[in-house]
């Protein structure tokens, strides 16, 4: 019996249970994410898996070739699985996350992997009472910039904040920050001005 048996509401991770097609964008992705979250919780690896998934999502967003690999039906199951295994090994991904991603590949659901990752992270934040801020940046944030951003957002929303960063090189510079369904307002924007200038190499 594999480590994923019983991960989702007492059922196995077989294709008949989880790979069923259904309507809506959140169906398959949400089911996989929930199964992964419950198993990670059981193994006391919620944060380790979250870190692995954030790193993988960043890699997907930064690589056009990888996005093509996971979305194109022209690649065979074996080709996708082999490529993903290589990427995960190079990244030093934990075994739990590795098995999850390769199961997704084996079930021919890699096209939904980014949605699965975002669903996992969003549900983890919700369970912890955190507010998730979606940040789009022209360049990757270093540790000090990330910390400054989290602090500015925490001061604004008055609670725990989980920041999910996307890279969009087409931006001229600075940040786009969305908290829930709204963009940041001018007061928070002014607090982030120094960070934006630093990202542009000014100051």
N, C-alpha and C. Protein backbone atom coordinates (compact mmCIF):
# COMPACT_ATOMS: atom_id res chain seq x y z
N UNK A 1 0.85 -1.20 0.00
CA UNK A 1 0.00 0.00 0.00
C UNK A 1 0.88 1.24 0.00
N UNK A 2 0.69 2.14 -0.94
CA UNK A 2 1.55 3.31 -1.10
C UNK A 2 1.25 4.37 -0.07
N UNK A 3 2.14 5.36 0.06
CA UNK A 3 2.01 6.40 1.08
C UNK A 3 0.83 7.32 0.85
N UNK A 4 0.24 7.32 -0.33
CA UNK A 4 -0.88 8.22 -0.60
C UNK A 4 -2.22 7.54 -0.37
N UNK A 5 -2.20 6.25 0.01
CA UNK A 5 -3.47 5.56 0.21
C UNK A 5 -4.25 6.20 1.35
N UNK A 6 -5.51 6.50 1.10
CA UNK A 6 -6.35 7.06 2.15
C UNK A 6 -6.12 8.53 2.40
N UNK A 7 -5.45 9.23 1.50
CA UNK A 7 -5.12 10.63 1.75
C UNK A 7 -6.34 11.53 1.66
N UNK A 8 -7.32 11.15 0.86
CA UNK A 8 -8.47 12.03 0.67
C UNK A 8 -9.75 11.32 1.11
N UNK A 9 -10.19 11.68 2.31
CA UNK A 9 -11.46 11.18 2.83
C UNK A 9 -11.55 9.65 2.78
N UNK A 10 -10.45 9.01 3.13
CA UNK A 10 -10.47 7.57 3.25
C UNK A 10 -10.39 6.83 1.93
N UNK A 11 -10.18 7.51 0.84
CA UNK A 11 -10.08 6.84 -0.45
C UNK A 11 -8.65 6.81 -0.90
N UNK A 12 -8.35 5.91 -1.84
CA UNK A 12 -7.02 5.87 -2.41
C UNK A 12 -6.81 7.00 -3.38
N UNK A 13 -5.57 7.10 -3.88
CA UNK A 13 -5.25 8.15 -4.84
C UNK A 13 -5.37 7.61 -6.26
N UNK A 14 -6.18 6.59 -6.44
CA UNK A 14 -6.29 5.99 -7.77
C UNK A 14 -6.91 6.95 -8.76
N UNK A 15 -6.68 6.67 -10.02
CA UNK A 15 -7.17 7.54 -11.07
C UNK A 15 -8.69 7.61 -11.06
N UNK A 16 -9.35 6.51 -10.67
CA UNK A 16 -10.81 6.51 -10.66
C UNK A 16 -11.37 7.49 -9.64
N UNK A 17 -10.60 7.73 -8.55
CA UNK A 17 -11.09 8.61 -7.50
C UNK A 17 -10.75 10.07 -7.74
N UNK A 18 -9.52 10.32 -8.19
CA UNK A 18 -9.07 11.70 -8.25
C UNK A 18 -8.91 12.27 -9.64
N UNK A 19 -8.75 11.45 -10.64
CA UNK A 19 -8.48 11.97 -11.98
C UNK A 19 -9.73 12.11 -12.80
N UNK A 20 -10.89 11.93 -12.18
CA UNK A 20 -12.15 12.08 -12.89
C UNK A 20 -12.33 13.51 -13.37
N UNK A 21 -12.76 13.68 -14.55
CA UNK A 21 -13.03 15.02 -15.05
C UNK A 21 -14.34 15.54 -14.46
N UNK A 22 -14.38 16.79 -14.08
CA UNK A 22 -15.65 17.39 -13.69
C UNK A 22 -15.64 18.84 -14.12
N UNK A 23 -16.78 19.50 -13.94
CA UNK A 23 -16.91 20.85 -14.44
C UNK A 23 -16.26 21.84 -13.48
N UNK A 24 -15.86 23.00 -13.99
CA UNK A 24 -15.26 24.03 -13.15
C UNK A 24 -13.76 23.87 -13.08
N UNK A 25 -13.07 25.00 -12.96
CA UNK A 25 -11.63 24.98 -12.91
C UNK A 25 -11.10 24.40 -11.61
N UNK A 26 -11.88 24.48 -10.55
CA UNK A 26 -11.35 24.10 -9.24
C UNK A 26 -11.58 22.63 -8.91
N UNK A 27 -12.29 21.89 -9.73
CA UNK A 27 -12.65 20.53 -9.39
C UNK A 27 -11.48 19.59 -9.18
N UNK A 28 -10.81 19.23 -10.25
CA UNK A 28 -9.68 18.31 -10.17
C UNK A 28 -8.57 18.90 -9.32
N UNK A 29 -8.22 20.16 -9.56
CA UNK A 29 -7.14 20.80 -8.81
C UNK A 29 -7.44 20.82 -7.32
N UNK A 30 -8.66 21.16 -6.98
CA UNK A 30 -9.03 21.23 -5.57
C UNK A 30 -8.98 19.89 -4.90
N UNK A 31 -9.37 18.83 -5.60
CA UNK A 31 -9.36 17.49 -5.02
C UNK A 31 -7.93 17.01 -4.75
N UNK A 32 -7.06 17.21 -5.70
CA UNK A 32 -5.67 16.84 -5.50
C UNK A 32 -5.04 17.67 -4.36
N UNK A 33 -5.31 18.97 -4.37
CA UNK A 33 -4.73 19.84 -3.35
C UNK A 33 -5.17 19.43 -1.95
N UNK A 34 -6.46 19.12 -1.81
CA UNK A 34 -6.97 18.72 -0.51
C UNK A 34 -6.35 17.41 -0.05
N UNK A 35 -6.22 16.46 -0.96
CA UNK A 35 -5.60 15.18 -0.61
C UNK A 35 -4.15 15.39 -0.18
N UNK A 36 -3.43 16.25 -0.89
CA UNK A 36 -2.04 16.52 -0.56
C UNK A 36 -1.94 17.21 0.79
N UNK A 37 -2.83 18.17 1.05
CA UNK A 37 -2.78 18.91 2.30
C UNK A 37 -3.06 17.99 3.48
N UNK A 38 -4.05 17.12 3.34
CA UNK A 38 -4.38 16.22 4.44
C UNK A 38 -3.26 15.24 4.72
N UNK A 39 -2.59 14.76 3.68
CA UNK A 39 -1.47 13.85 3.88
C UNK A 39 -0.27 14.57 4.49
N UNK A 40 0.00 15.78 4.00
CA UNK A 40 1.10 16.56 4.55
C UNK A 40 0.86 16.88 6.03
N UNK A 41 -0.39 17.14 6.36
CA UNK A 41 -0.75 17.39 7.76
C UNK A 41 -0.50 16.14 8.60
N UNK A 42 -0.91 15.01 8.08
CA UNK A 42 -0.71 13.74 8.79
C UNK A 42 0.77 13.47 9.01
N UNK A 43 1.61 13.81 8.04
CA UNK A 43 3.06 13.56 8.12
C UNK A 43 3.81 14.71 8.79
N UNK A 44 3.08 15.74 9.27
CA UNK A 44 3.70 16.90 9.89
C UNK A 44 4.67 17.60 8.94
N UNK A 45 4.27 17.72 7.67
CA UNK A 45 5.13 18.33 6.66
C UNK A 45 4.41 19.44 5.89
N UNK A 46 3.45 20.09 6.53
CA UNK A 46 2.69 21.13 5.83
C UNK A 46 3.59 22.23 5.27
N UNK A 47 4.49 22.74 6.10
CA UNK A 47 5.34 23.85 5.65
C UNK A 47 6.41 23.38 4.67
N UNK A 48 6.96 22.19 4.89
CA UNK A 48 7.97 21.67 3.97
C UNK A 48 7.37 21.48 2.58
N UNK A 49 6.17 20.94 2.52
CA UNK A 49 5.51 20.76 1.22
C UNK A 49 5.18 22.11 0.61
N UNK A 50 4.71 23.05 1.44
CA UNK A 50 4.39 24.38 0.92
C UNK A 50 5.62 25.03 0.30
N UNK A 51 6.76 24.91 0.96
CA UNK A 51 8.01 25.47 0.42
C UNK A 51 8.38 24.81 -0.90
N UNK A 52 8.26 23.50 -0.95
CA UNK A 52 8.55 22.77 -2.20
C UNK A 52 7.64 23.26 -3.32
N UNK A 53 6.36 23.40 -3.01
CA UNK A 53 5.39 23.78 -4.04
C UNK A 53 5.59 25.21 -4.51
N UNK A 54 5.93 26.10 -3.58
CA UNK A 54 6.22 27.49 -3.99
C UNK A 54 7.41 27.53 -4.95
N UNK A 55 8.44 26.77 -4.62
CA UNK A 55 9.61 26.74 -5.49
C UNK A 55 9.29 26.18 -6.86
N UNK A 56 8.47 25.13 -6.89
CA UNK A 56 8.09 24.53 -8.16
C UNK A 56 7.22 25.47 -8.97
N UNK A 57 6.30 26.17 -8.32
CA UNK A 57 5.44 27.11 -9.03
C UNK A 57 6.28 28.24 -9.63
N UNK A 58 7.26 28.73 -8.88
CA UNK A 58 8.13 29.78 -9.39
C UNK A 58 8.90 29.29 -10.61
N UNK A 59 9.36 28.05 -10.57
CA UNK A 59 10.09 27.47 -11.70
C UNK A 59 9.19 27.37 -12.93
N UNK A 60 7.95 26.95 -12.72
CA UNK A 60 7.00 26.85 -13.83
C UNK A 60 6.75 28.23 -14.45
N UNK A 61 6.57 29.23 -13.60
CA UNK A 61 6.25 30.57 -14.10
C UNK A 61 7.43 31.21 -14.81
N UNK A 62 8.63 30.81 -14.46
CA UNK A 62 9.82 31.42 -15.05
C UNK A 62 10.28 30.70 -16.32
N UNK A 63 9.77 29.49 -16.57
CA UNK A 63 10.26 28.69 -17.69
C UNK A 63 9.17 28.42 -18.71
N UNK A 64 9.33 29.00 -19.88
CA UNK A 64 8.37 28.76 -20.96
C UNK A 64 8.41 27.30 -21.40
N UNK A 65 9.62 26.71 -21.41
CA UNK A 65 9.75 25.32 -21.82
C UNK A 65 9.00 24.39 -20.85
N UNK A 66 9.10 24.69 -19.56
CA UNK A 66 8.41 23.86 -18.58
C UNK A 66 6.89 24.02 -18.69
N UNK A 67 6.44 25.24 -18.92
CA UNK A 67 5.00 25.44 -19.11
C UNK A 67 4.50 24.67 -20.32
N UNK A 68 5.31 24.63 -21.37
CA UNK A 68 4.93 23.87 -22.56
C UNK A 68 4.89 22.37 -22.25
N UNK A 69 5.87 21.91 -21.47
CA UNK A 69 5.93 20.49 -21.12
C UNK A 69 4.67 20.03 -20.38
N UNK A 70 4.24 20.84 -19.42
CA UNK A 70 3.11 20.38 -18.59
C UNK A 70 1.76 20.60 -19.28
N UNK A 71 1.72 21.44 -20.29
CA UNK A 71 0.43 21.76 -20.91
C UNK A 71 0.19 21.11 -22.26
N UNK A 72 1.25 20.70 -22.93
CA UNK A 72 1.10 20.18 -24.29
C UNK A 72 0.77 18.68 -24.29
N UNK A 73 -0.27 18.28 -25.01
CA UNK A 73 -0.60 16.85 -25.13
C UNK A 73 0.37 16.10 -26.03
N UNK A 74 1.29 16.81 -26.66
CA UNK A 74 2.25 16.17 -27.56
C UNK A 74 3.30 15.37 -26.79
N UNK A 75 3.51 15.71 -25.51
CA UNK A 75 4.47 14.96 -24.71
C UNK A 75 3.77 13.74 -24.12
N UNK A 76 4.47 12.61 -24.15
CA UNK A 76 3.90 11.38 -23.60
C UNK A 76 3.95 11.41 -22.07
N UNK A 77 3.20 10.51 -21.47
CA UNK A 77 3.22 10.37 -20.01
C UNK A 77 4.65 10.11 -19.51
N UNK A 78 5.36 9.23 -20.21
CA UNK A 78 6.73 8.89 -19.81
C UNK A 78 7.66 10.10 -19.92
N UNK A 79 7.51 10.86 -20.99
CA UNK A 79 8.36 12.05 -21.18
C UNK A 79 8.10 13.08 -20.09
N UNK A 80 6.85 13.32 -19.78
CA UNK A 80 6.51 14.28 -18.74
C UNK A 80 7.04 13.83 -17.38
N UNK A 81 6.84 12.56 -17.07
CA UNK A 81 7.27 12.04 -15.78
C UNK A 81 8.79 12.10 -15.63
N UNK A 82 9.50 11.73 -16.68
CA UNK A 82 10.97 11.76 -16.63
C UNK A 82 11.48 13.17 -16.45
N UNK A 83 10.91 14.12 -17.19
CA UNK A 83 11.35 15.51 -17.10
C UNK A 83 11.05 16.08 -15.71
N UNK A 84 9.87 15.80 -15.19
CA UNK A 84 9.51 16.32 -13.87
C UNK A 84 10.38 15.70 -12.79
N UNK A 85 10.70 14.43 -12.90
CA UNK A 85 11.57 13.78 -11.92
C UNK A 85 12.94 14.45 -11.90
N UNK A 86 13.46 14.78 -13.07
CA UNK A 86 14.76 15.46 -13.15
C UNK A 86 14.70 16.83 -12.49
N UNK A 87 13.65 17.59 -12.77
CA UNK A 87 13.49 18.92 -12.19
C UNK A 87 13.37 18.84 -10.67
N UNK A 88 12.59 17.90 -10.17
CA UNK A 88 12.40 17.76 -8.73
C UNK A 88 13.69 17.33 -8.04
N UNK A 89 14.43 16.43 -8.68
CA UNK A 89 15.69 15.99 -8.10
C UNK A 89 16.70 17.13 -8.02
N UNK A 90 16.78 17.92 -9.08
CA UNK A 90 17.71 19.06 -9.09
C UNK A 90 17.36 20.09 -8.02
N UNK A 91 16.06 20.23 -7.76
CA UNK A 91 15.61 21.22 -6.77
C UNK A 91 15.71 20.70 -5.34
N UNK A 92 16.02 19.41 -5.19
CA UNK A 92 16.08 18.85 -3.85
C UNK A 92 14.73 18.76 -3.18
N UNK A 93 13.70 18.52 -3.98
CA UNK A 93 12.33 18.46 -3.47
C UNK A 93 12.15 17.27 -2.53
N UNK A 94 11.39 17.47 -1.47
CA UNK A 94 11.13 16.41 -0.51
C UNK A 94 10.38 15.24 -1.14
N UNK A 95 10.49 14.08 -0.51
CA UNK A 95 9.91 12.87 -1.07
C UNK A 95 8.40 12.95 -1.18
N UNK A 96 7.74 13.55 -0.19
CA UNK A 96 6.28 13.63 -0.23
C UNK A 96 5.81 14.44 -1.43
N UNK A 97 6.43 15.59 -1.65
CA UNK A 97 6.07 16.44 -2.78
C UNK A 97 6.43 15.75 -4.10
N UNK A 98 7.57 15.09 -4.11
CA UNK A 98 8.01 14.39 -5.33
C UNK A 98 7.00 13.33 -5.74
N UNK A 99 6.53 12.54 -4.78
CA UNK A 99 5.57 11.50 -5.09
C UNK A 99 4.25 12.10 -5.59
N UNK A 100 3.87 13.22 -4.98
CA UNK A 100 2.64 13.89 -5.40
C UNK A 100 2.73 14.34 -6.86
N UNK A 101 3.80 15.05 -7.20
CA UNK A 101 3.94 15.59 -8.55
C UNK A 101 4.02 14.46 -9.58
N UNK A 102 4.75 13.41 -9.25
CA UNK A 102 4.86 12.30 -10.20
C UNK A 102 3.55 11.54 -10.35
N UNK A 103 2.74 11.51 -9.30
CA UNK A 103 1.40 10.93 -9.43
C UNK A 103 0.55 11.77 -10.37
N UNK A 104 0.65 13.09 -10.22
CA UNK A 104 -0.08 14.00 -11.11
C UNK A 104 0.35 13.75 -12.56
N UNK A 105 1.65 13.59 -12.77
CA UNK A 105 2.16 13.32 -14.11
C UNK A 105 1.64 11.98 -14.62
N UNK A 106 1.65 10.97 -13.77
CA UNK A 106 1.20 9.64 -14.18
C UNK A 106 -0.28 9.64 -14.54
N UNK A 107 -1.04 10.50 -13.88
CA UNK A 107 -2.48 10.61 -14.16
C UNK A 107 -2.79 11.61 -15.28
N UNK A 108 -1.74 12.12 -15.94
CA UNK A 108 -1.90 13.05 -17.06
C UNK A 108 -2.65 14.31 -16.65
N UNK A 109 -2.30 14.85 -15.48
CA UNK A 109 -2.96 16.05 -14.98
C UNK A 109 -1.96 17.18 -14.72
N UNK A 110 -0.79 17.11 -15.33
CA UNK A 110 0.20 18.16 -15.09
C UNK A 110 -0.28 19.53 -15.53
N UNK A 111 -1.18 19.57 -16.51
CA UNK A 111 -1.69 20.86 -16.97
C UNK A 111 -2.37 21.63 -15.84
N UNK A 112 -2.86 20.90 -14.83
CA UNK A 112 -3.54 21.53 -13.70
C UNK A 112 -2.63 21.73 -12.50
N UNK A 113 -1.35 21.38 -12.61
CA UNK A 113 -0.45 21.46 -11.47
C UNK A 113 -0.36 22.86 -10.86
N UNK A 114 -0.22 23.93 -11.66
CA UNK A 114 -0.18 25.27 -11.03
C UNK A 114 -1.44 25.57 -10.21
N UNK A 115 -2.61 25.16 -10.71
CA UNK A 115 -3.84 25.37 -9.95
C UNK A 115 -3.86 24.54 -8.67
N UNK A 116 -3.34 23.33 -8.75
CA UNK A 116 -3.24 22.49 -7.56
C UNK A 116 -2.37 23.14 -6.50
N UNK A 117 -1.23 23.68 -6.93
CA UNK A 117 -0.31 24.31 -5.99
C UNK A 117 -0.96 25.52 -5.34
N UNK A 118 -1.59 26.36 -6.14
CA UNK A 118 -2.23 27.56 -5.59
C UNK A 118 -3.38 27.17 -4.64
N UNK A 119 -4.10 26.12 -4.98
CA UNK A 119 -5.19 25.67 -4.13
C UNK A 119 -4.65 25.16 -2.79
N UNK A 120 -3.55 24.43 -2.82
CA UNK A 120 -2.93 23.94 -1.59
C UNK A 120 -2.52 25.11 -0.71
N UNK A 121 -1.82 26.08 -1.29
CA UNK A 121 -1.32 27.22 -0.52
C UNK A 121 -2.46 28.07 0.02
N UNK A 122 -3.50 28.25 -0.79
CA UNK A 122 -4.63 29.06 -0.35
C UNK A 122 -5.38 28.39 0.80
N UNK A 123 -5.57 27.08 0.71
CA UNK A 123 -6.28 26.37 1.77
C UNK A 123 -5.45 26.33 3.05
N UNK A 124 -4.14 26.17 2.91
CA UNK A 124 -3.27 26.19 4.09
C UNK A 124 -3.37 27.53 4.79
N UNK A 125 -3.33 28.61 4.02
CA UNK A 125 -3.46 29.95 4.60
C UNK A 125 -4.82 30.14 5.26
N UNK A 126 -5.87 29.66 4.61
CA UNK A 126 -7.21 29.82 5.17
C UNK A 126 -7.34 29.11 6.51
N UNK A 127 -6.81 27.89 6.59
CA UNK A 127 -6.90 27.12 7.83
C UNK A 127 -6.12 27.79 8.96
N UNK A 128 -5.11 28.53 8.61
CA UNK A 128 -4.29 29.19 9.62
C UNK A 128 -4.74 30.62 9.90
N UNK A 129 -5.83 31.03 9.27
CA UNK A 129 -6.32 32.38 9.49
C UNK A 129 -5.45 33.45 8.88
N UNK A 130 -4.73 33.09 7.84
CA UNK A 130 -3.85 34.03 7.16
C UNK A 130 -4.57 34.66 5.97
N UNK A 131 -4.14 35.85 5.63
CA UNK A 131 -4.62 36.52 4.42
C UNK A 131 -3.55 36.36 3.36
N UNK A 132 -3.96 35.91 2.18
CA UNK A 132 -3.00 35.71 1.11
C UNK A 132 -2.95 36.94 0.20
N UNK A 133 -1.75 37.46 0.00
CA UNK A 133 -1.54 38.58 -0.91
C UNK A 133 -0.83 38.05 -2.15
N UNK A 134 -1.40 38.32 -3.32
CA UNK A 134 -0.79 37.92 -4.57
C UNK A 134 0.04 39.08 -5.10
N UNK A 135 1.32 38.85 -5.24
CA UNK A 135 2.25 39.91 -5.64
C UNK A 135 2.85 39.57 -7.00
N UNK A 136 2.76 40.49 -7.91
CA UNK A 136 3.41 40.33 -9.21
C UNK A 136 4.58 41.30 -9.26
N UNK A 137 5.75 40.77 -9.53
CA UNK A 137 6.97 41.57 -9.51
C UNK A 137 7.72 41.42 -10.83
N UNK A 138 8.41 42.49 -11.22
CA UNK A 138 9.20 42.43 -12.46
C UNK A 138 10.43 41.54 -12.28
N UNK A 139 10.93 41.46 -11.05
CA UNK A 139 12.10 40.65 -10.75
C UNK A 139 11.85 39.87 -9.47
N UNK A 140 12.67 38.86 -9.23
CA UNK A 140 12.53 38.08 -8.00
C UNK A 140 12.89 38.94 -6.79
N UNK A 141 12.19 38.73 -5.68
CA UNK A 141 12.47 39.46 -4.45
C UNK A 141 13.54 38.72 -3.65
N UNK A 142 14.50 39.47 -3.11
CA UNK A 142 15.44 38.82 -2.20
C UNK A 142 14.80 38.75 -0.82
N UNK A 143 15.51 38.16 0.14
CA UNK A 143 14.92 37.92 1.45
C UNK A 143 14.52 39.22 2.15
N UNK A 144 15.36 40.24 2.06
CA UNK A 144 15.06 41.49 2.74
C UNK A 144 13.87 42.20 2.11
N UNK A 145 13.76 42.15 0.78
CA UNK A 145 12.62 42.76 0.10
C UNK A 145 11.33 42.01 0.43
N UNK A 146 11.41 40.70 0.47
CA UNK A 146 10.24 39.89 0.82
C UNK A 146 9.78 40.22 2.23
N UNK A 147 10.73 40.33 3.17
CA UNK A 147 10.38 40.64 4.55
C UNK A 147 9.75 42.02 4.66
N UNK A 148 10.29 42.99 3.93
CA UNK A 148 9.74 44.34 3.96
C UNK A 148 8.31 44.36 3.40
N UNK A 149 8.08 43.60 2.37
CA UNK A 149 6.75 43.52 1.77
C UNK A 149 5.75 42.90 2.75
N UNK A 150 6.15 41.81 3.38
CA UNK A 150 5.27 41.15 4.35
C UNK A 150 4.93 42.10 5.49
N UNK A 151 5.93 42.84 5.98
CA UNK A 151 5.69 43.76 7.10
C UNK A 151 4.74 44.88 6.69
N UNK A 152 4.90 45.42 5.49
CA UNK A 152 4.02 46.48 5.03
C UNK A 152 2.58 45.98 4.89
N UNK A 153 2.44 44.77 4.39
CA UNK A 153 1.10 44.21 4.23
C UNK A 153 0.48 43.88 5.58
N UNK A 154 1.29 43.36 6.49
CA UNK A 154 0.78 43.04 7.82
C UNK A 154 0.27 44.29 8.52
N UNK A 155 0.99 45.38 8.38
CA UNK A 155 0.58 46.64 9.00
C UNK A 155 -0.74 47.12 8.39
N UNK A 156 -0.94 46.84 7.12
CA UNK A 156 -2.15 47.29 6.44
C UNK A 156 -3.37 46.47 6.81
N UNK A 157 -3.23 45.14 6.78
CA UNK A 157 -4.40 44.28 6.97
C UNK A 157 -4.62 43.90 8.43
N UNK A 158 -3.61 44.13 9.28
CA UNK A 158 -3.78 43.87 10.70
C UNK A 158 -3.86 42.41 11.07
N UNK A 159 -3.16 41.56 10.35
CA UNK A 159 -3.17 40.14 10.66
C UNK A 159 -2.04 39.42 9.96
N UNK A 160 -2.07 38.10 10.05
CA UNK A 160 -1.03 37.29 9.41
C UNK A 160 -1.21 37.33 7.89
N UNK A 161 -0.11 37.47 7.21
CA UNK A 161 -0.15 37.58 5.75
C UNK A 161 0.77 36.54 5.13
N UNK A 162 0.26 35.83 4.13
CA UNK A 162 1.07 34.92 3.33
C UNK A 162 1.22 35.53 1.94
N UNK A 163 2.45 35.75 1.52
CA UNK A 163 2.70 36.41 0.24
C UNK A 163 3.07 35.37 -0.82
N UNK A 164 2.34 35.39 -1.92
CA UNK A 164 2.64 34.54 -3.06
C UNK A 164 3.13 35.43 -4.20
N UNK A 165 4.37 35.23 -4.62
CA UNK A 165 5.00 36.11 -5.61
C UNK A 165 5.02 35.45 -6.98
N UNK A 166 4.57 36.21 -7.98
CA UNK A 166 4.67 35.80 -9.38
C UNK A 166 5.63 36.76 -10.08
N UNK A 167 6.40 36.23 -10.99
CA UNK A 167 7.34 37.05 -11.75
C UNK A 167 6.78 37.34 -13.13
N UNK A 168 6.76 38.62 -13.48
CA UNK A 168 6.30 39.04 -14.81
C UNK A 168 7.32 40.04 -15.34
N UNK A 169 8.23 39.55 -16.16
CA UNK A 169 9.32 40.38 -16.66
C UNK A 169 8.84 41.50 -17.57
N UNK A 170 7.57 41.46 -17.99
CA UNK A 170 7.05 42.52 -18.84
C UNK A 170 6.75 43.80 -18.06
N UNK A 171 6.68 43.71 -16.73
CA UNK A 171 6.48 44.90 -15.92
C UNK A 171 7.70 45.80 -16.03
N UNK A 172 7.47 47.09 -16.09
CA UNK A 172 8.59 48.04 -16.17
C UNK A 172 9.38 48.03 -14.88
N UNK A 173 8.70 47.83 -13.77
CA UNK A 173 9.37 47.80 -12.48
C UNK A 173 8.35 47.86 -11.37
N UNK A 174 8.81 47.66 -10.15
CA UNK A 174 7.91 47.76 -9.01
C UNK A 174 7.06 46.52 -8.82
N UNK A 175 5.94 46.72 -8.18
CA UNK A 175 5.09 45.61 -7.77
C UNK A 175 3.62 45.87 -8.09
N UNK A 176 2.90 44.79 -8.31
CA UNK A 176 1.44 44.84 -8.31
C UNK A 176 1.00 43.92 -7.19
N UNK A 177 0.23 44.44 -6.25
CA UNK A 177 -0.18 43.66 -5.08
C UNK A 177 -1.70 43.59 -5.02
N UNK A 178 -2.20 42.37 -4.90
CA UNK A 178 -3.64 42.17 -4.77
C UNK A 178 -3.91 41.40 -3.48
N UNK A 179 -4.76 41.96 -2.64
CA UNK A 179 -5.17 41.29 -1.41
C UNK A 179 -6.64 40.94 -1.56
N UNK A 180 -6.93 39.63 -1.62
CA UNK A 180 -8.31 39.22 -1.88
C UNK A 180 -8.71 39.65 -3.28
N UNK A 181 -9.82 40.36 -3.38
CA UNK A 181 -10.33 40.77 -4.68
C UNK A 181 -9.96 42.21 -5.04
N UNK A 182 -9.16 42.87 -4.19
CA UNK A 182 -8.87 44.27 -4.46
C UNK A 182 -7.37 44.52 -4.56
N UNK A 183 -7.05 45.56 -5.31
CA UNK A 183 -5.67 45.99 -5.41
C UNK A 183 -5.34 46.80 -4.16
N UNK A 184 -4.04 46.94 -3.89
CA UNK A 184 -3.64 47.73 -2.73
C UNK A 184 -4.04 49.19 -2.95
N UNK A 185 -4.32 49.88 -1.85
CA UNK A 185 -4.71 51.28 -1.97
C UNK A 185 -3.48 52.19 -1.87
N UNK A 186 -3.71 53.48 -1.98
CA UNK A 186 -2.60 54.42 -2.04
C UNK A 186 -1.75 54.44 -0.78
N UNK A 187 -2.37 54.23 0.40
CA UNK A 187 -1.59 54.27 1.62
C UNK A 187 -0.56 53.15 1.67
N UNK A 188 -0.97 51.96 1.26
CA UNK A 188 -0.01 50.87 1.23
C UNK A 188 0.98 51.06 0.10
N UNK A 189 0.49 51.60 -1.01
CA UNK A 189 1.39 51.83 -2.14
C UNK A 189 2.53 52.77 -1.74
N UNK A 190 2.21 53.79 -0.93
CA UNK A 190 3.26 54.72 -0.52
C UNK A 190 4.26 54.04 0.41
N UNK A 191 3.79 53.10 1.23
CA UNK A 191 4.69 52.37 2.12
C UNK A 191 5.63 51.47 1.33
N UNK A 192 5.19 51.04 0.16
CA UNK A 192 6.01 50.15 -0.65
C UNK A 192 6.93 50.90 -1.62
N UNK A 193 6.82 52.22 -1.64
CA UNK A 193 7.57 52.99 -2.63
C UNK A 193 9.07 52.76 -2.50
N UNK A 194 9.57 52.76 -1.26
CA UNK A 194 11.01 52.60 -1.07
C UNK A 194 11.46 51.22 -1.55
N UNK A 195 10.65 50.21 -1.29
CA UNK A 195 10.98 48.88 -1.77
C UNK A 195 10.99 48.83 -3.29
N UNK A 196 10.02 49.50 -3.91
CA UNK A 196 9.98 49.51 -5.37
C UNK A 196 11.21 50.20 -5.96
N UNK A 197 11.60 51.29 -5.34
CA UNK A 197 12.79 52.00 -5.81
C UNK A 197 14.03 51.12 -5.68
N UNK A 198 14.11 50.39 -4.58
CA UNK A 198 15.25 49.50 -4.38
C UNK A 198 15.29 48.41 -5.44
N UNK A 199 14.12 47.93 -5.85
CA UNK A 199 14.05 46.92 -6.88
C UNK A 199 14.49 47.44 -8.24
N UNK A 200 14.33 48.74 -8.44
CA UNK A 200 14.75 49.36 -9.69
C UNK A 200 16.24 49.77 -9.63
N UNK A 201 16.87 49.56 -8.46
CA UNK A 201 18.27 49.94 -8.31
C UNK A 201 18.45 51.40 -8.01
N UNK A 202 17.43 52.04 -7.41
CA UNK A 202 17.50 53.46 -7.08
C UNK A 202 17.56 53.60 -5.57
N UNK A 203 18.30 54.58 -5.08
CA UNK A 203 18.30 54.87 -3.65
C UNK A 203 19.38 54.13 -2.92
